[in-house]
Every structure is written in C-alpha cells, then in structure tokens.
Amino acid sequence: MSHISFSEVFRVPPVLRVQHAGIFPAARRRSGRLRRFLTVAAATVLAGGPGLAYGAPGNVPATGQKSPGCIASGTEEAINAALVGEGAAAVLCPGAVFSLHHEVRFTAPRQQLYTQGRPTGTSRAVLRVADASLTNAVMGYYQEGAAVRNIEVDGDRDRLGWAQGGALVEMGGTDNQVVEGVYVHDTRSWSGIHFAGGKIHDSTPTCQNGRIVGNTVGPSGSDKDRKWADGISLDCGHSLVENNTVTDATDGGIVIFGAPGSTIQHNTVTALTRTLLGGINMVDYFPTDGNYTGTVVRNNTVDAKGAFIKVGIAMGSQVWDCPTKTVYGGTVKDNILTGAHFGYGYAASGVRDWTVTGNKDEAQHVGVAGDGCGGHNSRPAGFQFDARSGNFQSDFRPSTLHYLLSVTEGPASPAKSSASPTGGAATPTTNGGAAPASTPTSSASGAAASGLTAQSAKYHSLAKTGASGNLAVMCAGAVAFLCAGAGIWLKARKRRTTGS
C-alpha cells in the first residue's frame, strides 16, 4: 500500500454514493455520517486502535510501534531530547529497542525514564549498547530524584567485549534516586547497577536515600578471562536494596561500599553457570573509611545452585585481600546460604563492633582452602571469624581468614564442611566491588549463557514475529468495518426508497 493514498484507501465505492440528493436528502445526510464513521473506524484499526492492535487488556505491542505519548524505537537522541527540564519524562514505547552510541543522560532533577504502562518481562523497552567505546548506558549522576523504571538495559558484552569504564547504569552523587523494575545484563565493565556515594564528609557519603528495588540483574562479567563484574554496587547512605534477583554475577553479587544506614534485604543472589567471588560483600574500607554503621544485611538468600561461590557473605577487608584496615558497625542477620557449590559461608575478618545473628547455613561446603597472607587459610565452613569484635551467633568458630579468594572448588561431599587438603590459588582482586586493572580483551566470556540471556533472546523472537500478525489482524478488521457499514447503508436506503 505504499503507493496508494489515504483517500483512495477509504474512498466509498460508486454504487454506495447517493446520486439523487434532491429525492433523498435524509439518505444523503446519513450517507455522509456513515462515510465519516467508516473512515474514522477503519483508520483507527489500521493505526493500532483499542482492542485490535494492542490485543486484550494488559497486553502491549511486540514491535515497538509508537503509541500516543511514547518514544518509538531508535537511538538515544530522541530519549535525551525528552530529558530537558526539571521533572521531564522520557516515556518509551512498549517493545521499543534503542541502539545507544552515547549514554542516556539525566540533565535536571526529578526526571524519569520508563516504559509506557510500566510493564515487566519482555514488553519492557530495551536500551542496548551499540558503540564499542561505550560502557555506560544510563547516567544519572547528581540529578536529585532521578528515576529509571521498567526498562531493559543490555550491555551486549558478548558482541562488543569487555571495556574499562563506568557501570551499565550509573546513578548517585545526590539524594532520592530510584532504579526499579529494570532488567540489567551483560555489562561491559565492572558493575551492572552502581549508586555512587559522591563526596564523603566525616565518613558519610553525599548520596542518600537511594532505592534499588525489584530489579533483575545478570549475567555480569566473566569468570573465564578474569574480567569480573558486580551485579549491584551501593555507596549511598540510608538507602534500600530490596527484592532484587542477581544471577551469574562474577565479582560480587551485591557489593556494599560502607553505605552507612542502608538496608539490604529480601534479595536473591544465585551462581548458576559462572563462579562468583562473593555473594554479598561488606569488605571495602574505602570510600567511607570503613564506616558501615547502621548498615543492615538481612533476609537475603545466597544460592550456589550451579556454580561455585567462594564466599557467601564476606565481612571485613581481610577476607578479600591482605590489608590491615578494619571496617566497623555492620549488621548481618536472618540470611540463608544454600546450594551444593560453596566455599566459605559467613566469613568475618577485619571487623569491629559487628553483629551477626539468626543466620542459617544450608549449603554444602566443598571449597579447598588456599594460601592467605603469610599462611594457609582454614578449611571452609559455614560460620568463621578471625579475631572477632562484636556480637556473633554461637555457630561461629575461630579461623584463619586472610584473602579467601585463593579457595578453589573441590569434589562434592555429603558432609557440609568437607574439603580436600590440596588446591591452587587465584590472583586477588584489589577490593570487593571493582574489577582489577587489566588489559581489555576483544572477546567476551566463554561461559554458557544464563537463563536471563535466554529470556532476552525469547523477547527478540517475539518482537520479530509480532509485526506480521498485527498487520493481518488490522487489515481484516478494516475490511470487516467497511463491509458491515455498507450493508447498513444499503438497508437504510432500501427502507427510504420503499417509504417514498
């Protein structure tokens, strides 16, 4: 229909035209109203009107077509053009796909970025990194109240490879920011979602009251080429990290850089196909000079379901490296470790004024201890501390715990804390949340794709098939409208002719 004009499509056939207006004035008026009705109705159908283009209530287009008030597929340019002025919103069409050559950038306070209708699953709009020099898809630094909701952010690491740079979603430096209902995967750099603390005053970050809620994160990084990456990284104080699912991160599933006063709860961290260094990490002295006061990690699950986790919940800088710094003030309670591929469970070394209570260990510990800082570490188990200072549940046992990343996976055993006496060591990372400095590679991890990657592939399959199906339905609907209207008009004319 590319060469047919709109007027030709909706032209009323000659047999339906009123030829004798003087004889049938009423019929002519009705004919005009009918033609207008048919034209509007058919145009509504072909344009994707209610009930046909969108399907049943709650469904959304699979092809990213433009709906009233949303931005259709394209690049970052249209999105950034919408993010102008305080409180501006970039509303993306359901199913739309955006190829990014530069980051989407918040430019004023309280701006929003989300998919129209705030759907979940495969109907969320997709922001996909397309430029080999780009690692950061969304940048929200220093814009108070900025919010990202219900989109998918794809770093496309398998195609573009690893690169040094910012996290895939970068927020922080100010207050009240939100990342919610977002699917973030295949970051090219060191983290999927990062809330930066900004300036530090008296061991307290400028960034406060952030919310990282209900997101699906991973895979992140590679366990094959040592280009590890976090799932979620939090610096901001008095913030909430809740109800997130992190699968196949490789550095830390959730990494807490002090973040004093924050709550990390009801999250699930799973190692499915890639070795994970730490499930939840509380090991970084910087940037808050070890201040974890009021930071609470509770009611989370760390699951070594299909791949090795070296440390379940890591507490203290000496667990991660060989420093002499001490972190203080944190609380870890009512968490669960599970899965058949665990090294160390709850491990604390280099902490003071620390509280660990009510936690459960249902995991199988198959790790083989390696050399630490000047000696051999203790055999992995569920609850271990080195020079405790604080309130620890009675399950804890004194142990030597210095640089536990040297642990390797041994053979499975029915005993929860069994281990073989031999094993090799790995190279330490510099901290619990950032990948070490290393030479970039042009190829991505050889690890098997996770279920989240399969979900993304399913989405693209649906998007490709949706267009032809919608077109057929719309064309059929237009024909039905025209035929039904013609019948009504002929019956009306016949009655008028008979009455005359």
Protein backbone atom coordinates (compact mmCIF):
# COMPACT_ATOMS: atom_id res chain seq x y z
CA MET A 1 0.00 0.00 0.00
CA SER A 2 2.98 2.31 -0.16
CA HIS A 3 1.79 3.85 -3.46
CA ILE A 4 -1.89 4.26 -2.55
CA SER A 5 -3.10 7.47 -0.98
CA PHE A 6 -5.15 7.62 2.20
CA SER A 7 -8.17 8.95 0.25
CA GLU A 8 -8.00 6.03 -2.16
CA VAL A 9 -7.97 3.50 0.67
CA PHE A 10 -11.12 4.91 2.23
CA ARG A 11 -12.96 6.00 -1.00
CA VAL A 12 -16.60 4.89 -0.90
CA PRO A 13 -17.44 2.75 -3.99
CA PRO A 14 -19.66 4.45 -6.64
CA VAL A 15 -22.54 2.05 -6.04
CA LEU A 16 -22.82 3.33 -2.48
CA ARG A 17 -22.92 7.03 -3.37
CA VAL A 18 -26.20 8.92 -3.23
CA GLN A 19 -26.92 10.04 -6.79
CA HIS A 20 -30.21 11.81 -6.18
CA ALA A 21 -29.71 14.14 -3.29
CA GLY A 22 -32.83 16.08 -4.15
CA ILE A 23 -35.00 12.99 -3.85
CA PHE A 24 -33.30 11.51 -0.76
CA PRO A 25 -31.94 14.41 1.37
CA ALA A 26 -32.12 12.37 4.60
CA ALA A 27 -30.31 9.48 2.98
CA ARG A 28 -27.59 11.84 1.81
CA ARG A 29 -27.07 13.19 5.33
CA ARG A 30 -26.93 9.67 6.72
CA SER A 31 -24.56 8.66 3.94
CA GLY A 32 -22.18 11.47 4.92
CA ARG A 33 -22.27 10.48 8.56
CA LEU A 34 -21.75 6.84 7.61
CA ARG A 35 -18.76 7.60 5.41
CA ARG A 36 -17.19 9.64 8.17
CA PHE A 37 -17.85 6.83 10.66
CA LEU A 38 -16.35 4.19 8.38
CA THR A 39 -13.31 6.34 7.61
CA VAL A 40 -12.58 7.02 11.29
CA ALA A 41 -13.25 3.41 12.32
CA ALA A 42 -11.04 1.91 9.64
CA ALA A 43 -8.29 4.45 10.30
CA THR A 44 -8.45 3.58 13.98
CA VAL A 45 -7.98 -0.10 13.21
CA LEU A 46 -5.08 0.46 10.80
CA ALA A 47 -3.40 2.87 13.20
CA GLY A 48 -3.47 0.32 16.01
CA GLY A 49 -6.59 1.32 17.91
CA PRO A 50 -8.02 -0.25 21.04
CA GLY A 51 -8.76 -3.93 21.07
CA LEU A 52 -7.10 -4.91 17.76
CA ALA A 53 -3.58 -3.50 17.61
CA TYR A 54 -2.94 -3.98 21.30
CA GLY A 55 -4.93 -7.16 21.86
CA ALA A 56 -6.52 -7.99 25.17
CA PRO A 57 -6.30 -5.55 28.09
CA GLY A 58 -2.87 -5.63 29.71
CA ASN A 59 -1.06 -6.63 26.52
CA VAL A 60 1.33 -4.31 24.71
CA PRO A 61 2.67 -4.14 21.17
CA ALA A 62 5.51 -6.57 20.49
CA THR A 63 7.01 -4.45 17.73
CA GLY A 64 7.83 -1.17 19.46
CA GLN A 65 5.38 0.81 17.33
CA LYS A 66 4.64 4.32 18.51
CA SER A 67 1.64 4.83 20.75
CA PRO A 68 0.33 8.23 21.76
CA GLY A 69 2.77 9.85 24.17
CA CYS A 70 5.70 7.40 23.88
CA ILE A 71 9.04 7.29 22.07
CA ALA A 72 9.36 4.62 19.37
CA SER A 73 12.48 2.58 18.53
CA GLY A 74 15.59 4.48 17.53
CA THR A 75 18.73 5.79 19.22
CA GLU A 76 19.47 7.71 22.40
CA GLU A 77 18.85 11.03 20.64
CA ALA A 78 15.07 11.05 20.98
CA ILE A 79 15.31 9.96 24.62
CA ASN A 80 17.81 12.66 25.51
CA ALA A 81 15.70 15.24 23.66
CA ALA A 82 12.84 14.39 26.03
CA LEU A 83 15.00 14.71 29.14
CA VAL A 84 15.10 18.51 29.20
CA GLY A 85 13.97 20.48 32.23
CA GLU A 86 13.14 19.61 35.80
CA GLY A 87 10.63 16.76 36.11
CA ALA A 88 10.79 15.82 32.42
CA ALA A 89 9.93 12.24 31.48
CA ALA A 90 11.18 10.06 28.63
CA VAL A 91 8.37 7.55 28.14
CA LEU A 92 9.42 4.67 25.89
CA CYS A 93 7.02 2.61 23.80
CA PRO A 94 6.49 -0.99 24.96
CA GLY A 95 8.68 -3.32 22.93
CA ALA A 96 10.80 -0.47 21.52
CA VAL A 97 14.53 -1.08 21.00
CA PHE A 98 17.12 1.71 21.17
CA SER A 99 20.68 1.37 19.88
CA LEU A 100 22.94 3.54 22.02
CA HIS A 101 26.03 5.29 20.66
CA HIS A 102 26.13 7.64 23.67
CA GLU A 103 24.62 7.29 27.12
CA VAL A 104 21.09 8.34 28.03
CA ARG A 105 21.74 11.24 30.39
CA PHE A 106 19.57 12.86 33.06
CA THR A 107 20.07 16.62 32.93
CA ALA A 108 17.83 18.04 35.67
CA PRO A 109 16.30 16.96 38.99
CA ARG A 110 13.33 14.58 39.20
CA GLN A 111 13.48 13.40 35.62
CA GLN A 112 12.12 9.94 34.76
CA LEU A 113 12.89 7.21 32.25
CA TYR A 114 10.43 4.32 31.89
CA THR A 115 8.37 2.15 29.55
CA GLN A 116 4.80 3.30 28.99
CA GLY A 117 2.46 1.42 31.30
CA ARG A 118 5.45 0.20 33.33
CA PRO A 119 5.29 -3.41 32.15
CA THR A 120 7.51 -6.25 33.28
CA GLY A 121 9.04 -9.03 31.24
CA THR A 122 9.68 -8.91 27.52
CA SER A 123 7.47 -5.90 26.80
CA ARG A 124 9.87 -3.50 28.51
CA ALA A 125 11.67 -1.15 26.13
CA VAL A 126 15.30 -2.13 25.51
CA LEU A 127 18.34 0.15 25.68
CA ARG A 128 21.22 -1.70 24.01
CA VAL A 129 24.83 -0.52 23.87
CA ALA A 130 25.88 -0.34 20.22
CA ASP A 131 29.20 1.54 20.26
CA ALA A 132 32.48 -0.23 21.01
CA SER A 133 33.69 2.70 23.16
CA LEU A 134 30.57 2.85 25.36
CA THR A 135 30.14 1.03 28.68
CA ASN A 136 27.57 3.28 30.37
CA ALA A 137 24.00 3.18 29.02
CA VAL A 138 22.25 5.36 31.64
CA MET A 139 23.91 8.25 33.51
CA GLY A 140 22.09 9.87 36.42
CA TYR A 141 24.88 11.46 38.47
CA TYR A 142 23.98 14.45 40.62
CA GLN A 143 20.34 14.75 39.49
CA GLU A 144 18.25 14.59 42.64
CA GLY A 145 15.17 12.38 42.39
CA ALA A 146 16.06 10.85 39.01
CA ALA A 147 14.24 7.56 38.39
CA VAL A 148 14.70 4.63 36.00
CA ARG A 149 11.85 2.13 35.90
CA ASN A 150 10.67 -0.85 33.87
CA ILE A 151 13.17 -0.96 31.05
CA GLU A 152 15.79 -3.47 29.89
CA VAL A 153 19.43 -2.37 29.67
CA ASP A 154 21.72 -4.60 27.62
CA GLY A 155 25.49 -4.06 27.55
CA ASP A 156 25.83 -6.54 24.66
CA ARG A 157 29.12 -7.79 26.05
CA ASP A 158 29.09 -10.99 24.00
CA ARG A 159 29.31 -8.92 20.81
CA LEU A 160 31.31 -5.88 21.93
CA GLY A 161 33.61 -7.47 24.51
CA TRP A 162 34.99 -6.14 27.79
CA ALA A 163 35.88 -2.46 28.18
CA GLN A 164 37.05 -0.33 31.07
CA GLY A 165 34.62 2.37 32.11
CA GLY A 166 31.50 3.16 34.10
CA ALA A 167 28.83 0.71 35.15
CA LEU A 168 25.97 -0.08 32.76
CA VAL A 169 23.57 2.01 34.90
CA GLU A 170 25.30 4.80 36.85
CA MET A 171 23.38 6.77 39.45
CA GLY A 172 24.21 8.58 42.68
CA GLY A 173 26.04 11.62 44.00
CA THR A 174 22.76 13.05 45.30
CA ASP A 175 19.53 12.07 47.07
CA ASN A 176 16.30 10.16 46.40
CA GLN A 177 17.18 8.36 43.18
CA VAL A 178 15.42 5.18 42.08
CA VAL A 179 16.15 2.17 39.87
CA GLU A 180 13.14 -0.14 39.93
CA GLY A 181 11.77 -2.99 37.83
CA VAL A 182 14.76 -2.91 35.46
CA TYR A 183 16.42 -5.88 33.76
CA VAL A 184 20.17 -5.13 33.56
CA HIS A 185 22.52 -7.63 31.95
CA ASP A 186 25.83 -8.17 30.19
CA THR A 187 27.63 -5.10 31.49
CA ARG A 188 30.88 -4.48 29.63
CA SER A 189 32.71 -3.07 32.65
CA TRP A 190 32.82 -3.59 36.41
CA SER A 191 29.16 -3.44 37.51
CA GLY A 192 25.56 -3.64 36.35
CA ILE A 193 23.96 -1.02 38.63
CA HIS A 194 26.07 1.44 40.63
CA PHE A 195 24.89 4.11 43.05
CA ALA A 196 27.96 6.31 43.65
CA GLY A 197 28.36 7.99 47.02
CA GLY A 198 29.62 11.33 45.75
CA LYS A 199 31.68 13.47 48.11
CA ILE A 200 32.49 11.99 51.52
CA HIS A 201 32.16 14.12 54.66
CA ASP A 202 33.03 12.63 58.06
CA SER A 203 32.97 9.11 56.58
CA THR A 204 29.45 9.73 55.22
CA PRO A 205 28.57 9.88 51.51
CA THR A 206 26.71 12.82 49.99
CA CYS A 207 24.31 10.44 48.25
CA GLN A 208 21.42 9.42 50.50
CA ASN A 209 18.06 7.64 50.28
CA GLY A 210 18.58 5.72 47.08
CA ARG A 211 16.28 2.87 46.10
CA ILE A 212 17.34 -0.20 44.10
CA VAL A 213 14.19 -2.28 44.16
CA GLY A 214 12.71 -5.21 42.23
CA ASN A 215 15.39 -5.45 39.55
CA THR A 216 16.69 -8.47 37.65
CA VAL A 217 20.45 -8.33 37.19
CA GLY A 218 22.92 -10.55 35.35
CA PRO A 219 24.85 -12.06 33.89
CA SER A 220 27.65 -9.69 34.88
CA GLY A 221 31.27 -10.25 33.92
CA SER A 222 33.30 -13.32 33.08
CA ASP A 223 34.87 -15.97 35.27
CA LYS A 224 36.94 -17.26 32.35
CA ASP A 225 39.04 -14.25 31.34
CA ARG A 226 39.20 -12.66 34.83
CA LYS A 227 37.09 -9.68 33.79
CA TRP A 228 34.81 -9.94 36.80
CA ALA A 229 31.82 -7.65 37.43
CA ASP A 230 29.35 -6.91 40.22
CA GLY A 231 25.61 -7.20 39.91
CA ILE A 232 24.70 -4.26 42.20
CA SER A 233 27.18 -1.82 43.82
CA LEU A 234 25.99 0.57 46.53
CA ASP A 235 27.88 3.52 48.06
CA CYS A 236 24.92 5.71 49.10
CA GLY A 237 23.86 6.02 52.73
CA HIS A 238 20.42 5.28 54.21
CA SER A 239 19.41 3.52 51.01
CA LEU A 240 17.33 0.44 50.23
CA VAL A 241 18.36 -2.56 48.13
CA GLU A 242 15.33 -4.84 48.16
CA ASN A 243 13.70 -7.70 46.23
CA ASN A 244 16.38 -7.87 43.55
CA THR A 245 17.40 -11.06 41.76
CA VAL A 246 21.08 -11.25 40.80
CA THR A 247 22.11 -14.23 38.66
CA ASP A 248 25.59 -15.04 37.38
CA ALA A 249 27.49 -12.04 38.61
CA THR A 250 31.19 -12.88 38.89
CA ASP A 251 32.80 -10.38 41.31
CA GLY A 252 30.24 -9.53 43.99
CA GLY A 253 26.53 -10.24 43.63
CA ILE A 254 25.72 -7.23 45.81
CA VAL A 255 28.62 -5.09 46.99
CA ILE A 256 28.22 -2.56 49.80
CA PHE A 257 30.83 0.19 49.95
CA GLY A 258 30.06 1.23 53.53
CA ALA A 259 26.72 2.82 52.66
CA PRO A 260 26.09 3.66 56.36
CA GLY A 261 22.47 3.38 57.44
CA SER A 262 21.41 1.32 54.41
CA THR A 263 19.23 -1.79 54.35
CA ILE A 264 19.89 -4.70 52.01
CA GLN A 265 17.02 -7.16 52.32
CA HIS A 266 14.96 -9.86 50.56
CA ASN A 267 17.38 -10.21 47.68
CA THR A 268 18.41 -13.46 45.96
CA VAL A 269 21.93 -13.94 44.62
CA THR A 270 22.47 -17.11 42.55
CA ALA A 271 25.55 -18.63 40.91
CA LEU A 272 24.12 -20.64 38.04
CA THR A 273 26.81 -21.01 35.35
CA ARG A 274 29.67 -18.72 36.48
CA THR A 275 31.94 -18.75 39.51
CA LEU A 276 31.05 -15.93 41.92
CA LEU A 277 33.75 -14.46 44.17
CA GLY A 278 31.36 -13.12 46.82
CA GLY A 279 27.58 -13.32 47.26
CA ILE A 280 27.13 -10.19 49.39
CA ASN A 281 30.29 -8.21 50.17
CA MET A 282 30.92 -5.87 53.11
CA VAL A 283 34.68 -5.71 52.70
CA ASP A 284 35.63 -2.26 51.36
CA TYR A 285 37.33 0.25 53.61
CA PHE A 286 37.02 2.99 51.03
CA PRO A 287 35.28 5.33 50.33
CA THR A 288 33.75 5.70 53.83
CA ASP A 289 36.89 4.84 55.83
CA GLY A 290 35.34 1.57 56.94
CA ASN A 291 32.07 3.07 58.16
CA TYR A 292 29.22 0.52 57.98
CA THR A 293 27.36 1.98 60.96
CA GLY A 294 23.68 1.14 60.70
CA THR A 295 24.14 -0.90 57.51
CA VAL A 296 21.92 -3.98 57.80
CA VAL A 297 22.03 -7.07 55.56
CA ARG A 298 19.02 -9.23 56.38
CA ASN A 299 16.67 -11.87 55.00
CA ASN A 300 18.68 -12.45 51.83
CA THR A 301 19.37 -15.77 50.08
CA VAL A 302 22.71 -16.67 48.50
CA ASP A 303 22.48 -19.82 46.38
CA ALA A 304 25.36 -21.79 44.85
CA LYS A 305 22.85 -23.60 42.69
CA GLY A 306 25.00 -24.48 39.70
CA ALA A 307 28.41 -22.82 40.13
CA PHE A 308 30.99 -22.18 42.83
CA ILE A 309 30.66 -19.28 45.30
CA LYS A 310 33.95 -18.56 47.07
CA VAL A 311 32.43 -16.60 49.98
CA GLY A 312 28.71 -16.34 50.75
CA ILE A 313 28.63 -13.18 52.88
CA ALA A 314 32.06 -11.60 53.19
CA MET A 315 32.66 -9.27 56.16
CA GLY A 316 35.87 -7.32 56.59
CA SER A 317 38.66 -6.18 54.31
CA GLN A 318 40.97 -9.05 55.27
CA VAL A 319 38.56 -11.60 53.84
CA TRP A 320 39.15 -10.07 50.41
CA ASP A 321 42.79 -9.04 50.44
CA CYS A 322 45.79 -8.57 52.73
CA PRO A 323 45.23 -5.09 54.22
CA THR A 324 45.37 -4.14 57.88
CA LYS A 325 42.35 -1.81 57.70
CA THR A 326 39.25 -2.57 59.78
CA VAL A 327 35.61 -1.92 58.93
CA TYR A 328 33.02 -1.33 61.63
CA GLY A 329 29.38 -1.07 62.62
CA GLY A 330 27.61 -3.52 60.27
CA THR A 331 24.81 -5.99 60.99
CA VAL A 332 24.15 -9.30 59.22
CA LYS A 333 21.08 -11.23 60.33
CA ASP A 334 18.48 -13.80 59.25
CA ASN A 335 20.10 -14.65 55.92
CA ILE A 336 20.23 -18.09 54.26
CA LEU A 337 23.04 -19.80 52.37
CA THR A 338 22.12 -22.76 50.18
CA GLY A 339 23.45 -24.80 47.27
CA ALA A 340 25.98 -27.55 46.62
CA HIS A 341 28.95 -25.45 45.44
CA PHE A 342 30.05 -23.31 48.37
CA GLY A 343 33.48 -22.37 49.62
CA TYR A 344 33.25 -20.20 52.74
CA GLY A 345 29.87 -19.24 54.16
CA TYR A 346 29.66 -16.36 56.66
CA ALA A 347 33.27 -15.20 56.94
CA ALA A 348 34.42 -12.25 59.08
CA SER A 349 37.97 -10.93 59.30
CA GLY A 350 38.97 -7.33 59.92
CA VAL A 351 35.74 -6.12 61.56
CA ARG A 352 34.83 -4.48 64.85
CA ASP A 353 31.56 -3.54 66.54
CA TRP A 354 29.92 -6.06 64.23
CA THR A 355 26.68 -8.03 64.73
CA VAL A 356 25.90 -11.39 63.11
CA THR A 357 22.79 -13.20 64.40
CA GLY A 358 19.99 -15.51 63.30
CA ASN A 359 21.62 -16.63 60.04
CA LYS A 360 21.21 -20.11 58.55
CA ASP A 361 23.64 -22.25 56.61
CA GLU A 362 22.03 -24.92 54.43
CA ALA A 363 24.89 -25.06 51.94
CA GLN A 364 27.38 -27.78 51.10
CA HIS A 365 30.93 -26.51 51.59
CA VAL A 366 33.22 -28.15 49.05
CA GLY A 367 35.93 -25.49 48.87
CA VAL A 368 39.62 -26.29 49.14
CA ALA A 369 41.49 -23.70 51.21
CA GLY A 370 44.44 -21.88 49.66
CA ASP A 371 47.28 -19.74 50.95
CA GLY A 372 46.37 -16.45 52.50
CA CYS A 373 48.56 -13.60 53.71
CA GLY A 374 51.60 -15.34 55.11
CA GLY A 375 49.98 -18.68 55.82
CA HIS A 376 47.39 -21.27 54.91
CA ASN A 377 43.73 -20.41 55.49
CA SER A 378 41.37 -22.56 57.50
CA ARG A 379 39.21 -25.13 55.80
CA PRO A 380 35.95 -23.60 54.50
CA ALA A 381 32.88 -23.91 56.70
CA GLY A 382 29.61 -22.14 57.36
CA PHE A 383 30.46 -19.72 60.21
CA GLN A 384 34.01 -18.47 60.73
CA PHE A 385 35.70 -15.39 62.19
CA ASP A 386 39.25 -14.21 62.73
CA ALA A 387 39.77 -12.05 65.84
CA ARG A 388 36.12 -11.25 66.41
CA SER A 389 34.91 -7.97 67.83
CA GLY A 390 31.17 -7.68 68.34
CA ASN A 391 28.14 -9.91 68.73
CA PHE A 392 28.39 -13.17 66.77
CA GLN A 393 25.91 -16.06 66.89
CA SER A 394 27.16 -19.18 68.64
CA ASP A 395 27.73 -21.10 65.37
CA PHE A 396 30.93 -19.16 64.64
CA ARG A 397 34.34 -20.77 65.09
CA PRO A 398 37.78 -19.10 65.24
CA SER A 399 39.64 -19.48 61.94
CA THR A 400 42.48 -18.12 59.87
CA LEU A 401 40.84 -15.97 57.18
CA HIS A 402 43.18 -13.79 55.13
CA TYR A 403 42.47 -13.42 51.42
CA LEU A 404 39.89 -16.14 50.94
CA LEU A 405 39.76 -15.74 47.16
CA SER A 406 42.51 -18.35 46.99
CA VAL A 407 39.86 -21.01 47.71
CA THR A 408 39.05 -23.44 44.89
CA GLU A 409 36.20 -25.86 44.38
CA GLY A 410 36.83 -29.43 45.48
CA PRO A 411 34.77 -32.59 44.95
CA ALA A 412 31.21 -32.72 46.26
CA SER A 413 30.69 -34.49 49.56
CA PRO A 414 27.66 -35.34 51.70
CA ALA A 415 29.26 -33.52 54.64
CA LYS A 416 28.50 -29.82 54.64
CA SER A 417 32.00 -28.70 55.60
CA SER A 418 34.18 -31.36 53.99
CA ALA A 419 37.20 -30.44 51.89
CA SER A 420 40.25 -31.92 50.25
CA PRO A 421 43.65 -30.77 51.62
CA THR A 422 45.00 -29.70 48.24
CA GLY A 423 44.24 -26.92 45.80
CA GLY A 424 45.60 -23.94 43.90
CA ALA A 425 45.34 -20.20 44.46
CA ALA A 426 43.86 -17.39 42.43
CA THR A 427 45.10 -13.84 41.94
CA PRO A 428 43.45 -11.42 44.43
CA THR A 429 41.21 -8.57 43.40
CA THR A 430 42.05 -5.15 44.79
CA ASN A 431 38.70 -4.78 46.59
CA GLY A 432 35.31 -6.37 46.90
CA GLY A 433 33.49 -4.36 44.30
CA ALA A 434 35.74 -3.32 41.44
CA ALA A 435 37.41 -5.44 38.83
CA PRO A 436 41.22 -5.25 38.98
CA ALA A 437 43.14 -3.24 36.40
CA SER A 438 43.84 -5.46 33.46
CA THR A 439 44.27 -5.40 29.71
CA PRO A 440 40.97 -5.17 27.78
CA THR A 441 40.03 -8.11 25.62
CA SER A 442 38.16 -8.10 22.35
CA SER A 443 36.25 -11.25 23.14
CA ALA A 444 33.64 -11.98 25.78
CA SER A 445 33.37 -14.80 28.26
CA GLY A 446 33.11 -18.36 27.01
CA ALA A 447 30.73 -19.21 29.83
CA ALA A 448 27.39 -20.74 28.95
CA ALA A 449 24.52 -18.31 28.54
CA SER A 450 22.29 -17.99 31.59
CA GLY A 451 18.52 -18.24 31.76
CA LEU A 452 18.35 -14.43 31.73
CA THR A 453 20.15 -14.32 28.38
CA ALA A 454 17.69 -16.88 27.07
CA GLN A 455 14.86 -14.63 28.26
CA SER A 456 16.31 -11.77 26.23
CA ALA A 457 16.57 -13.99 23.14
CA LYS A 458 12.94 -15.00 23.57
CA TYR A 459 11.95 -11.34 23.63
CA HIS A 460 13.68 -10.63 20.35
CA SER A 461 11.98 -13.62 18.73
CA LEU A 462 8.59 -12.33 19.82
CA ALA A 463 9.38 -8.86 18.57
CA LYS A 464 10.27 -10.17 15.11
CA THR A 465 7.06 -12.17 14.70
CA GLY A 466 4.67 -9.61 16.16
CA ALA A 467 4.57 -7.22 13.20
CA SER A 468 3.10 -9.57 10.58
CA GLY A 469 0.45 -10.88 12.97
CA ASN A 470 -0.69 -7.39 13.93
CA LEU A 471 -0.86 -6.31 10.27
CA ALA A 472 -3.09 -9.23 9.32
CA VAL A 473 -5.47 -8.53 12.19
CA MET A 474 -5.64 -4.82 11.34
CA CYS A 475 -6.35 -5.41 7.65
CA ALA A 476 -9.07 -7.93 8.42
CA GLY A 477 -10.63 -5.53 10.88
CA ALA A 478 -10.67 -2.70 8.35
CA VAL A 479 -12.40 -4.85 5.73
CA ALA A 480 -14.95 -6.03 8.28
CA PHE A 481 -15.77 -2.46 9.26
CA LEU A 482 -16.26 -1.35 5.65
CA CYS A 483 -18.43 -4.33 4.68
CA ALA A 484 -20.64 -4.03 7.75
CA GLY A 485 -21.12 -0.32 7.18
CA ALA A 486 -22.02 -0.82 3.51
CA GLY A 487 -24.72 -3.32 4.46
CA ILE A 488 -26.22 -0.94 6.99
CA TRP A 489 -26.31 1.88 4.43
CA LEU A 490 -27.99 -0.27 1.74
CA LYS A 491 -30.70 -1.39 4.16
CA ALA A 492 -31.35 2.21 5.16
CA ARG A 493 -31.58 3.31 1.53
CA LYS A 494 -33.98 0.48 0.69
CA ARG A 495 -36.29 1.49 3.54
CA ARG A 496 -36.22 5.10 2.41
CA THR A 497 -36.96 4.11 -1.23
CA THR A 498 -39.86 1.90 -0.14
CA GLY A 499 -41.28 4.67 2.06
CA SER A 500 -41.25 7.10 -0.83
